[in-house]
């Protein structure tokens, strides 16, 4: 791995910081991702690599919860569960 040091105008630096904060990255990470995404030819990440990276970023938010009984996606059972919970809270 090599290091590149760049001097950029203040406006470019501020834009990089803004985008990095928006995506929860450091400025260096965001610039690297941007370059990899927009680099020509062999440096560009494949769709599979992009999907894998996106999955890894989402993984901490994934999960499942067991209610102790099977559930369905029909609105009647969902409405009944909600009504039961609202009655219990009041």
PDB file of N, CA and C in Angstrom:
ATOM      1  N   UNK A   1       0.851  -1.171   0.000  1.00  0.00           N
ATOM      2  CA  UNK A   1       0.000   0.000   0.000  1.00  0.00           C
ATOM      3  C   UNK A   1       0.898   1.235   0.000  1.00  0.00           C
ATOM      4  N   UNK A   2       0.486   2.220  -0.734  1.00  0.00           N
ATOM      5  CA  UNK A   2       1.222   3.480  -0.850  1.00  0.00           C
ATOM      6  C   UNK A   2       0.406   4.613  -0.257  1.00  0.00           C
ATOM      7  N   UNK A   3       1.076   5.709   0.063  1.00  0.00           N
ATOM      8  CA  UNK A   3       0.428   6.896   0.607  1.00  0.00           C
ATOM      9  C   UNK A   3       0.497   8.018  -0.409  1.00  0.00           C
ATOM     10  N   UNK A   4      -0.615   8.728  -0.564  1.00  0.00           N
ATOM     11  CA  UNK A   4      -0.667   9.916  -1.426  1.00  0.00           C
ATOM     12  C   UNK A   4      -1.129  11.074  -0.550  1.00  0.00           C
ATOM     13  N   UNK A   5      -0.421  12.173  -0.609  1.00  0.00           N
ATOM     14  CA  UNK A   5      -0.813  13.382   0.093  1.00  0.00           C
ATOM     15  C   UNK A   5      -1.255  14.400  -0.947  1.00  0.00           C
ATOM     16  N   UNK A   6      -2.457  14.930  -0.774  1.00  0.00           N
ATOM     17  CA  UNK A   6      -3.012  15.890  -1.729  1.00  0.00           C
ATOM     18  C   UNK A   6      -3.283  17.215  -1.049  1.00  0.00           C
ATOM     19  N   UNK A   7      -3.067  18.284  -1.786  1.00  0.00           N
ATOM     20  CA  UNK A   7      -3.503  19.595  -1.337  1.00  0.00           C
ATOM     21  C   UNK A   7      -4.709  19.957  -2.179  1.00  0.00           C
ATOM     22  N   UNK A   8      -5.827  20.235  -1.500  1.00  0.00           N
ATOM     23  CA  UNK A   8      -7.068  20.562  -2.203  1.00  0.00           C
ATOM     24  C   UNK A   8      -7.593  21.894  -1.691  1.00  0.00           C
ATOM     25  N   UNK A   9      -8.380  22.572  -2.514  1.00  0.00           N
ATOM     26  CA  UNK A   9      -8.988  23.830  -2.046  1.00  0.00           C
ATOM     27  C   UNK A   9      -9.892  23.567  -0.838  1.00  0.00           C
ATOM     28  N   UNK A  10     -10.061  24.588  -0.019  1.00  0.00           N
ATOM     29  CA  UNK A  10     -10.890  24.459   1.186  1.00  0.00           C
ATOM     30  C   UNK A  10     -12.283  23.933   0.869  1.00  0.00           C
ATOM     31  N   UNK A  11     -12.864  24.383  -0.258  1.00  0.00           N
ATOM     32  CA  UNK A  11     -14.224  23.962  -0.608  1.00  0.00           C
ATOM     33  C   UNK A  11     -14.276  22.451  -0.856  1.00  0.00           C
ATOM     34  N   UNK A  12     -13.250  21.913  -1.497  1.00  0.00           N
ATOM     35  CA  UNK A  12     -13.201  20.476  -1.785  1.00  0.00           C
ATOM     36  C   UNK A  12     -13.038  19.704  -0.477  1.00  0.00           C
ATOM     37  N   UNK A  13     -12.174  20.182   0.395  1.00  0.00           N
ATOM     38  CA  UNK A  13     -11.959  19.539   1.687  1.00  0.00           C
ATOM     39  C   UNK A  13     -13.255  19.521   2.493  1.00  0.00           C
ATOM     40  N   UNK A  14     -13.945  20.657   2.547  1.00  0.00           N
ATOM     41  CA  UNK A  14     -15.201  20.743   3.293  1.00  0.00           C
ATOM     42  C   UNK A  14     -16.251  19.810   2.703  1.00  0.00           C
ATOM     43  N   UNK A  15     -16.305  19.705   1.375  1.00  0.00           N
ATOM     44  CA  UNK A  15     -17.251  18.798   0.724  1.00  0.00           C
ATOM     45  C   UNK A  15     -16.938  17.349   1.091  1.00  0.00           C
ATOM     46  N   UNK A  16     -15.676  17.005   1.124  1.00  0.00           N
ATOM     47  CA  UNK A  16     -15.276  15.642   1.506  1.00  0.00           C
ATOM     48  C   UNK A  16     -15.656  15.355   2.953  1.00  0.00           C
ATOM     49  N   UNK A  17     -15.423  16.312   3.838  1.00  0.00           N
ATOM     50  CA  UNK A  17     -15.805  16.136   5.242  1.00  0.00           C
ATOM     51  C   UNK A  17     -17.315  15.958   5.382  1.00  0.00           C
ATOM     52  N   UNK A  18     -18.060  16.782   4.649  1.00  0.00           N
ATOM     53  CA  UNK A  18     -19.517  16.703   4.701  1.00  0.00           C
ATOM     54  C   UNK A  18     -20.005  15.327   4.261  1.00  0.00           C
ATOM     55  N   UNK A  19     -19.503  14.833   3.145  1.00  0.00           N
ATOM     56  CA  UNK A  19     -19.924  13.529   2.638  1.00  0.00           C
ATOM     57  C   UNK A  19     -19.484  12.406   3.582  1.00  0.00           C
ATOM     58  N   UNK A  20     -18.295  12.524   4.140  1.00  0.00           N
ATOM     59  CA  UNK A  20     -17.804  11.508   5.070  1.00  0.00           C
ATOM     60  C   UNK A  20     -18.709  11.429   6.294  1.00  0.00           C
ATOM     61  N   UNK A  21     -19.076  12.578   6.842  1.00  0.00           N
ATOM     62  CA  UNK A  21     -19.968  12.597   8.002  1.00  0.00           C
ATOM     63  C   UNK A  21     -21.334  12.031   7.647  1.00  0.00           C
ATOM     64  N   UNK A  22     -21.817  12.353   6.464  1.00  0.00           N
ATOM     65  CA  UNK A  22     -23.117  11.859   6.010  1.00  0.00           C
ATOM     66  C   UNK A  22     -23.155  10.336   5.997  1.00  0.00           C
ATOM     67  N   UNK A  23     -22.037   9.699   5.611  1.00  0.00           N
ATOM     68  CA  UNK A  23     -21.990   8.250   5.504  1.00  0.00           C
ATOM     69  C   UNK A  23     -21.277   7.580   6.685  1.00  0.00           C
ATOM     70  N   UNK A  24     -20.974   8.358   7.728  1.00  0.00           N
ATOM     71  CA  UNK A  24     -20.380   7.786   8.929  1.00  0.00           C
ATOM     72  C   UNK A  24     -18.963   7.281   8.724  1.00  0.00           C
ATOM     73  N   UNK A  25     -18.202   7.975   7.916  1.00  0.00           N
ATOM     74  CA  UNK A  25     -16.836   7.570   7.593  1.00  0.00           C
ATOM     75  C   UNK A  25     -15.886   8.720   7.925  1.00  0.00           C
ATOM     76  N   UNK A  26     -14.604   8.390   7.973  1.00  0.00           N
ATOM     77  CA  UNK A  26     -13.605   9.462   8.041  1.00  0.00           C
ATOM     78  C   UNK A  26     -13.463  10.023   6.629  1.00  0.00           C
ATOM     79  N   UNK A  27     -12.894  11.198   6.522  1.00  0.00           N
ATOM     80  CA  UNK A  27     -12.694  11.790   5.193  1.00  0.00           C
ATOM     81  C   UNK A  27     -11.829  10.883   4.329  1.00  0.00           C
ATOM     82  N   UNK A  28     -10.802  10.286   4.931  1.00  0.00           N
ATOM     83  CA  UNK A  28      -9.906   9.401   4.183  1.00  0.00           C
ATOM     84  C   UNK A  28     -10.650   8.174   3.657  1.00  0.00           C
ATOM     85  N   UNK A  29     -11.498   7.566   4.518  1.00  0.00           N
ATOM     86  CA  UNK A  29     -12.265   6.397   4.089  1.00  0.00           C
ATOM     87  C   UNK A  29     -13.219   6.756   2.953  1.00  0.00           C
ATOM     88  N   UNK A  30     -13.907   7.901   3.092  1.00  0.00           N
ATOM     89  CA  UNK A  30     -14.865   8.295   2.072  1.00  0.00           C
ATOM     90  C   UNK A  30     -14.166   8.555   0.744  1.00  0.00           C
ATOM     91  N   UNK A  31     -13.032   9.252   0.767  1.00  0.00           N
ATOM     92  CA  UNK A  31     -12.291   9.527  -0.469  1.00  0.00           C
ATOM     93  C   UNK A  31     -11.833   8.215  -1.109  1.00  0.00           C
ATOM     94  N   UNK A  32     -11.343   7.269  -0.305  1.00  0.00           N
ATOM     95  CA  UNK A  32     -10.904   5.980  -0.840  1.00  0.00           C
ATOM     96  C   UNK A  32     -12.070   5.236  -1.493  1.00  0.00           C
ATOM     97  N   UNK A  33     -13.225   5.198  -0.820  1.00  0.00           N
ATOM     98  CA  UNK A  33     -14.391   4.539  -1.396  1.00  0.00           C
ATOM     99  C   UNK A  33     -14.824   5.215  -2.688  1.00  0.00           C
ATOM    100  N   UNK A  34     -14.802   6.534  -2.692  1.00  0.00           N
ATOM    101  CA  UNK A  34     -15.179   7.281  -3.891  1.00  0.00           C
ATOM    102  C   UNK A  34     -14.233   6.952  -5.047  1.00  0.00           C
ATOM    103  N   UNK A  35     -12.944   6.951  -4.764  1.00  0.00           N
ATOM    104  CA  UNK A  35     -11.965   6.648  -5.816  1.00  0.00           C
ATOM    105  C   UNK A  35     -12.123   5.225  -6.335  1.00  0.00           C
ATOM    106  N   UNK A  36     -12.325   4.272  -5.436  1.00  0.00           N
ATOM    107  CA  UNK A  36     -12.506   2.884  -5.869  1.00  0.00           C
ATOM    108  C   UNK A  36     -13.766   2.724  -6.707  1.00  0.00           C
ATOM    109  N   UNK A  37     -14.809   3.434  -6.317  1.00  0.00           N
ATOM    110  CA  UNK A  37     -16.073   3.325  -7.044  1.00  0.00           C
ATOM    111  C   UNK A  37     -15.988   3.957  -8.427  1.00  0.00           C
ATOM    112  N   UNK A  38     -15.240   5.037  -8.554  1.00  0.00           N
ATOM    113  CA  UNK A  38     -15.207   5.788  -9.802  1.00  0.00           C
ATOM    114  C   UNK A  38     -13.926   5.595 -10.625  1.00  0.00           C
ATOM    115  N   UNK A  39     -13.045   4.738 -10.140  1.00  0.00           N
ATOM    116  CA  UNK A  39     -11.789   4.499 -10.871  1.00  0.00           C
ATOM    117  C   UNK A  39     -12.067   3.711 -12.149  1.00  0.00           C
ATOM    118  N   UNK A  40     -11.313   3.975 -13.188  1.00  0.00           N
ATOM    119  CA  UNK A  40     -11.521   3.238 -14.438  1.00  0.00           C
ATOM    120  C   UNK A  40     -10.992   1.810 -14.347  1.00  0.00           C
ATOM    121  N   UNK A  41     -11.619   0.918 -15.096  1.00  0.00           N
ATOM    122  CA  UNK A  41     -11.105  -0.423 -15.321  1.00  0.00           C
ATOM    123  C   UNK A  41     -10.917  -1.276 -14.100  1.00  0.00           C
ATOM    124  N   UNK A  42      -9.717  -1.813 -13.940  1.00  0.00           N
ATOM    125  CA  UNK A  42      -9.464  -2.859 -12.953  1.00  0.00           C
ATOM    126  C   UNK A  42      -9.554  -2.375 -11.513  1.00  0.00           C
ATOM    127  N   UNK A  43      -9.466  -1.084 -11.261  1.00  0.00           N
ATOM    128  CA  UNK A  43      -9.556  -0.591  -9.889  1.00  0.00           C
ATOM    129  C   UNK A  43     -10.992  -0.529  -9.394  1.00  0.00           C
ATOM    130  N   UNK A  44     -11.927  -0.509 -10.315  1.00  0.00           N
ATOM    131  CA  UNK A  44     -13.324  -0.371  -9.924  1.00  0.00           C
ATOM    132  C   UNK A  44     -13.820  -1.659  -9.280  1.00  0.00           C
ATOM    133  N   UNK A  45     -14.539  -1.533  -8.189  1.00  0.00           N
ATOM    134  CA  UNK A  45     -15.094  -2.684  -7.495  1.00  0.00           C
ATOM    135  C   UNK A  45     -16.204  -3.311  -8.324  1.00  0.00           C
ATOM    136  N   UNK A  46     -16.286  -4.610  -8.270  1.00  0.00           N
ATOM    137  CA  UNK A  46     -17.368  -5.305  -8.958  1.00  0.00           C
ATOM    138  C   UNK A  46     -18.665  -5.108  -8.182  1.00  0.00           C
ATOM    139  N   UNK A  47     -19.787  -5.395  -8.833  1.00  0.00           N
ATOM    140  CA  UNK A  47     -21.078  -5.301  -8.166  1.00  0.00           C
ATOM    141  C   UNK A  47     -21.127  -6.233  -6.957  1.00  0.00           C
ATOM    142  N   UNK A  48     -20.532  -7.423  -7.092  1.00  0.00           N
ATOM    143  CA  UNK A  48     -20.513  -8.364  -5.972  1.00  0.00           C
ATOM    144  C   UNK A  48     -19.751  -7.792  -4.782  1.00  0.00           C
ATOM    145  N   UNK A  49     -18.623  -7.140  -5.042  1.00  0.00           N
ATOM    146  CA  UNK A  49     -17.843  -6.539  -3.952  1.00  0.00           C
ATOM    147  C   UNK A  49     -18.620  -5.411  -3.297  1.00  0.00           C
ATOM    148  N   UNK A  50     -19.317  -4.611  -4.102  1.00  0.00           N
ATOM    149  CA  UNK A  50     -20.109  -3.519  -3.547  1.00  0.00           C
ATOM    150  C   UNK A  50     -21.246  -4.055  -2.693  1.00  0.00           C
ATOM    151  N   UNK A  51     -21.913  -5.115  -3.171  1.00  0.00           N
ATOM    152  CA  UNK A  51     -22.987  -5.713  -2.396  1.00  0.00           C
ATOM    153  C   UNK A  51     -22.457  -6.283  -1.076  1.00  0.00           C
ATOM    154  N   UNK A  52     -21.303  -6.941  -1.140  1.00  0.00           N
ATOM    155  CA  UNK A  52     -20.706  -7.519   0.060  1.00  0.00           C
ATOM    156  C   UNK A  52     -20.361  -6.418   1.066  1.00  0.00           C
ATOM    157  N   UNK A  53     -19.770  -5.326   0.589  1.00  0.00           N
ATOM    158  CA  UNK A  53     -19.421  -4.214   1.475  1.00  0.00           C
ATOM    159  C   UNK A  53     -20.680  -3.606   2.088  1.00  0.00           C
ATOM    160  N   UNK A  54     -21.737  -3.468   1.300  1.00  0.00           N
ATOM    161  CA  UNK A  54     -22.994  -2.921   1.818  1.00  0.00           C
ATOM    162  C   UNK A  54     -23.587  -3.847   2.873  1.00  0.00           C
ATOM    163  N   UNK A  55     -23.551  -5.154   2.622  1.00  0.00           N
ATOM    164  CA  UNK A  55     -24.060  -6.116   3.600  1.00  0.00           C
ATOM    165  C   UNK A  55     -23.291  -6.019   4.915  1.00  0.00           C
ATOM    166  N   UNK A  56     -21.976  -5.888   4.822  1.00  0.00           N
ATOM    167  CA  UNK A  56     -21.151  -5.796   6.029  1.00  0.00           C
ATOM    168  C   UNK A  56     -21.479  -4.536   6.828  1.00  0.00           C
ATOM    169  N   UNK A  57     -21.783  -3.437   6.127  1.00  0.00           N
ATOM    170  CA  UNK A  57     -22.153  -2.207   6.834  1.00  0.00           C
ATOM    171  C   UNK A  57     -23.511  -2.353   7.526  1.00  0.00           C
ATOM    172  N   UNK A  58     -24.419  -3.149   6.943  1.00  0.00           N
ATOM    173  CA  UNK A  58     -25.753  -3.323   7.516  1.00  0.00           C
ATOM    174  C   UNK A  58     -25.817  -4.413   8.576  1.00  0.00           C
ATOM    175  N   UNK A  59     -24.873  -5.331   8.557  1.00  0.00           N
ATOM    176  CA  UNK A  59     -24.917  -6.500   9.440  1.00  0.00           C
ATOM    177  C   UNK A  59     -25.147  -6.147  10.916  1.00  0.00           C
ATOM    178  N   UNK A  60     -24.525  -5.091  11.475  1.00  0.00           N
ATOM    179  CA  UNK A  60     -24.758  -4.812  12.897  1.00  0.00           C
ATOM    180  C   UNK A  60     -26.217  -4.479  13.222  1.00  0.00           C
ATOM    181  N   UNK A  61     -27.008  -4.107  12.213  1.00  0.00           N
ATOM    182  CA  UNK A  61     -28.398  -3.728  12.447  1.00  0.00           C
ATOM    183  C   UNK A  61     -29.375  -4.872  12.202  1.00  0.00           C
ATOM    184  N   UNK A  62     -28.891  -6.019  11.752  1.00  0.00           N
ATOM    185  CA  UNK A  62     -29.752  -7.157  11.443  1.00  0.00           C
ATOM    186  C   UNK A  62     -30.010  -7.980  12.692  1.00  0.00           C
ATOM    187  N   UNK A  63     -31.153  -8.620  12.717  1.00  0.00           N
ATOM    188  CA  UNK A  63     -31.447  -9.474  13.855  1.00  0.00           C
ATOM    189  C   UNK A  63     -32.820 -10.091  13.718  1.00  0.00           C
ATOM    190  N   UNK A  64     -33.172 -10.909  14.668  1.00  0.00           N
ATOM    191  CA  UNK A  64     -34.472 -11.558  14.699  1.00  0.00           C
ATOM    192  C   UNK A  64     -34.942 -11.618  16.141  1.00  0.00           C
ATOM    193  N   UNK A  65     -36.237 -11.727  16.291  1.00  0.00           N
ATOM    194  CA  UNK A  65     -36.801 -11.818  17.626  1.00  0.00           C
ATOM    195  C   UNK A  65     -37.892 -12.876  17.610  1.00  0.00           C
ATOM    196  N   UNK A  66     -37.891 -13.712  18.603  1.00  0.00           N
ATOM    197  CA  UNK A  66     -38.919 -14.728  18.731  1.00  0.00           C
ATOM    198  C   UNK A  66     -39.962 -14.249  19.717  1.00  0.00           C
ATOM    199  N   UNK A  67     -41.221 -14.314  19.305  1.00  0.00           N
ATOM    200  CA  UNK A  67     -42.312 -13.938  20.197  1.00  0.00           C
ATOM    201  C   UNK A  67     -42.810 -15.129  21.006  1.00  0.00           C
ATOM    202  N   UNK A  68     -42.259 -16.301  20.722  1.00  0.00           N
ATOM    203  CA  UNK A  68     -42.667 -17.487  21.443  1.00  0.00           C
ATOM    204  C   UNK A  68     -43.833 -18.212  20.794  1.00  0.00           C
ATOM    205  N   UNK A  69     -44.322 -17.666  19.698  1.00  0.00           N
ATOM    206  CA  UNK A  69     -45.404 -18.312  18.959  1.00  0.00           C
ATOM    207  C   UNK A  69     -45.273 -17.919  17.489  1.00  0.00           C
ATOM    208  N   UNK A  70     -45.803 -18.751  16.605  1.00  0.00           N
ATOM    209  CA  UNK A  70     -45.681 -18.431  15.185  1.00  0.00           C
ATOM    210  C   UNK A  70     -46.515 -17.207  14.827  1.00  0.00           C
ATOM    211  N   UNK A  71     -46.004 -16.416  13.920  1.00  0.00           N
ATOM    212  CA  UNK A  71     -46.723 -15.228  13.463  1.00  0.00           C
ATOM    213  C   UNK A  71     -46.913 -15.300  11.964  1.00  0.00           C
ATOM    214  N   UNK A  72     -47.870 -14.568  11.489  1.00  0.00           N
ATOM    215  CA  UNK A  72     -48.134 -14.512  10.060  1.00  0.00           C
ATOM    216  C   UNK A  72     -48.082 -13.083   9.581  1.00  0.00           C
ATOM    217  N   UNK A  73     -48.397 -12.901   8.333  1.00  0.00           N
ATOM    218  CA  UNK A  73     -48.363 -11.557   7.768  1.00  0.00           C
ATOM    219  C   UNK A  73     -49.767 -11.057   7.447  1.00  0.00           C
ATOM    220  N   UNK A  74     -50.790 -11.786   7.921  1.00  0.00           N
ATOM    221  CA  UNK A  74     -52.153 -11.338   7.642  1.00  0.00           C
ATOM    222  C   UNK A  74     -52.510 -10.198   8.595  1.00  0.00           C
ATOM    223  N   UNK A  75     -53.225  -9.228   8.089  1.00  0.00           N
ATOM    224  CA  UNK A  75     -53.534  -8.026   8.869  1.00  0.00           C
ATOM    225  C   UNK A  75     -54.391  -8.313  10.087  1.00  0.00           C
ATOM    226  N   UNK A  76     -55.268  -9.317  10.014  1.00  0.00           N
ATOM    227  CA  UNK A  76     -56.150  -9.602  11.149  1.00  0.00           C
ATOM    228  C   UNK A  76     -55.351 -10.003  12.386  1.00  0.00           C
ATOM    229  N   UNK A  77     -54.364 -10.890  12.204  1.00  0.00           N
ATOM    230  CA  UNK A  77     -53.593 -11.307  13.379  1.00  0.00           C
ATOM    231  C   UNK A  77     -52.707 -10.173  13.884  1.00  0.00           C
ATOM    232  N   UNK A  78     -52.209  -9.349  12.976  1.00  0.00           N
ATOM    233  CA  UNK A  78     -51.401  -8.191  13.391  1.00  0.00           C
ATOM    234  C   UNK A  78     -52.272  -7.227  14.181  1.00  0.00           C
ATOM    235  N   UNK A  79     -53.489  -6.932  13.672  1.00  0.00           N
ATOM    236  CA  UNK A  79     -54.405  -6.037  14.372  1.00  0.00           C
ATOM    237  C   UNK A  79     -54.775  -6.596  15.742  1.00  0.00           C
ATOM    238  N   UNK A  80     -55.003  -7.907  15.820  1.00  0.00           N
ATOM    239  CA  UNK A  80     -55.352  -8.533  17.107  1.00  0.00           C
ATOM    240  C   UNK A  80     -54.193  -8.404  18.097  1.00  0.00           C
ATOM    241  N   UNK A  81     -52.958  -8.629  17.630  1.00  0.00           N
ATOM    242  CA  UNK A  81     -51.796  -8.482  18.511  1.00  0.00           C
ATOM    243  C   UNK A  81     -51.657  -7.055  19.012  1.00  0.00           C
ATOM    244  N   UNK A  82     -51.853  -6.074  18.113  1.00  0.00           N
ATOM    245  CA  UNK A  82     -51.749  -4.671  18.517  1.00  0.00           C
ATOM    246  C   UNK A  82     -52.843  -4.305  19.520  1.00  0.00           C
ATOM    247  N   UNK A  83     -54.072  -4.746  19.251  1.00  0.00           N
ATOM    248  CA  UNK A  83     -55.178  -4.446  20.151  1.00  0.00           C
ATOM    249  C   UNK A  83     -54.911  -5.037  21.536  1.00  0.00           C
ATOM    250  N   UNK A  84     -54.405  -6.257  21.562  1.00  0.00           N
ATOM    251  CA  UNK A  84     -54.102  -6.913  22.832  1.00  0.00           C
ATOM    252  C   UNK A  84     -53.066  -6.118  23.612  1.00  0.00           C
ATOM    253  N   UNK A  85     -52.026  -5.655  22.931  1.00  0.00           N
ATOM    254  CA  UNK A  85     -50.983  -4.870  23.594  1.00  0.00           C
ATOM    255  C   UNK A  85     -51.521  -3.537  24.097  1.00  0.00           C
ATOM    256  N   UNK A  86     -52.350  -2.870  23.272  1.00  0.00           N
ATOM    257  CA  UNK A  86     -52.921  -1.573  23.700  1.00  0.00           C
ATOM    258  C   UNK A  86     -53.814  -1.750  24.918  1.00  0.00           C
ATOM    259  N   UNK A  87     -54.613  -2.832  24.954  1.00  0.00           N
ATOM    260  CA  UNK A  87     -55.469  -3.101  26.097  1.00  0.00           C
ATOM    261  C   UNK A  87     -54.649  -3.356  27.351  1.00  0.00           C
ATOM    262  N   UNK A  88     -53.561  -4.063  27.192  1.00  0.00           N
ATOM    263  CA  UNK A  88     -52.714  -4.400  28.342  1.00  0.00           C
ATOM    264  C   UNK A  88     -52.055  -3.142  28.927  1.00  0.00           C
ATOM    265  N   UNK A  89     -51.710  -2.170  28.059  1.00  0.00           N
ATOM    266  CA  UNK A  89     -51.033  -0.955  28.525  1.00  0.00           C
ATOM    267  C   UNK A  89     -51.986   0.028  29.196  1.00  0.00           C
ATOM    268  N   UNK A  90     -53.291  -0.083  28.937  1.00  0.00           N
ATOM    269  CA  UNK A  90     -54.207   0.926  29.494  1.00  0.00           C
ATOM    270  C   UNK A  90     -54.817   0.528  30.797  1.00  0.00           C
TER     271      UNK A  90
END
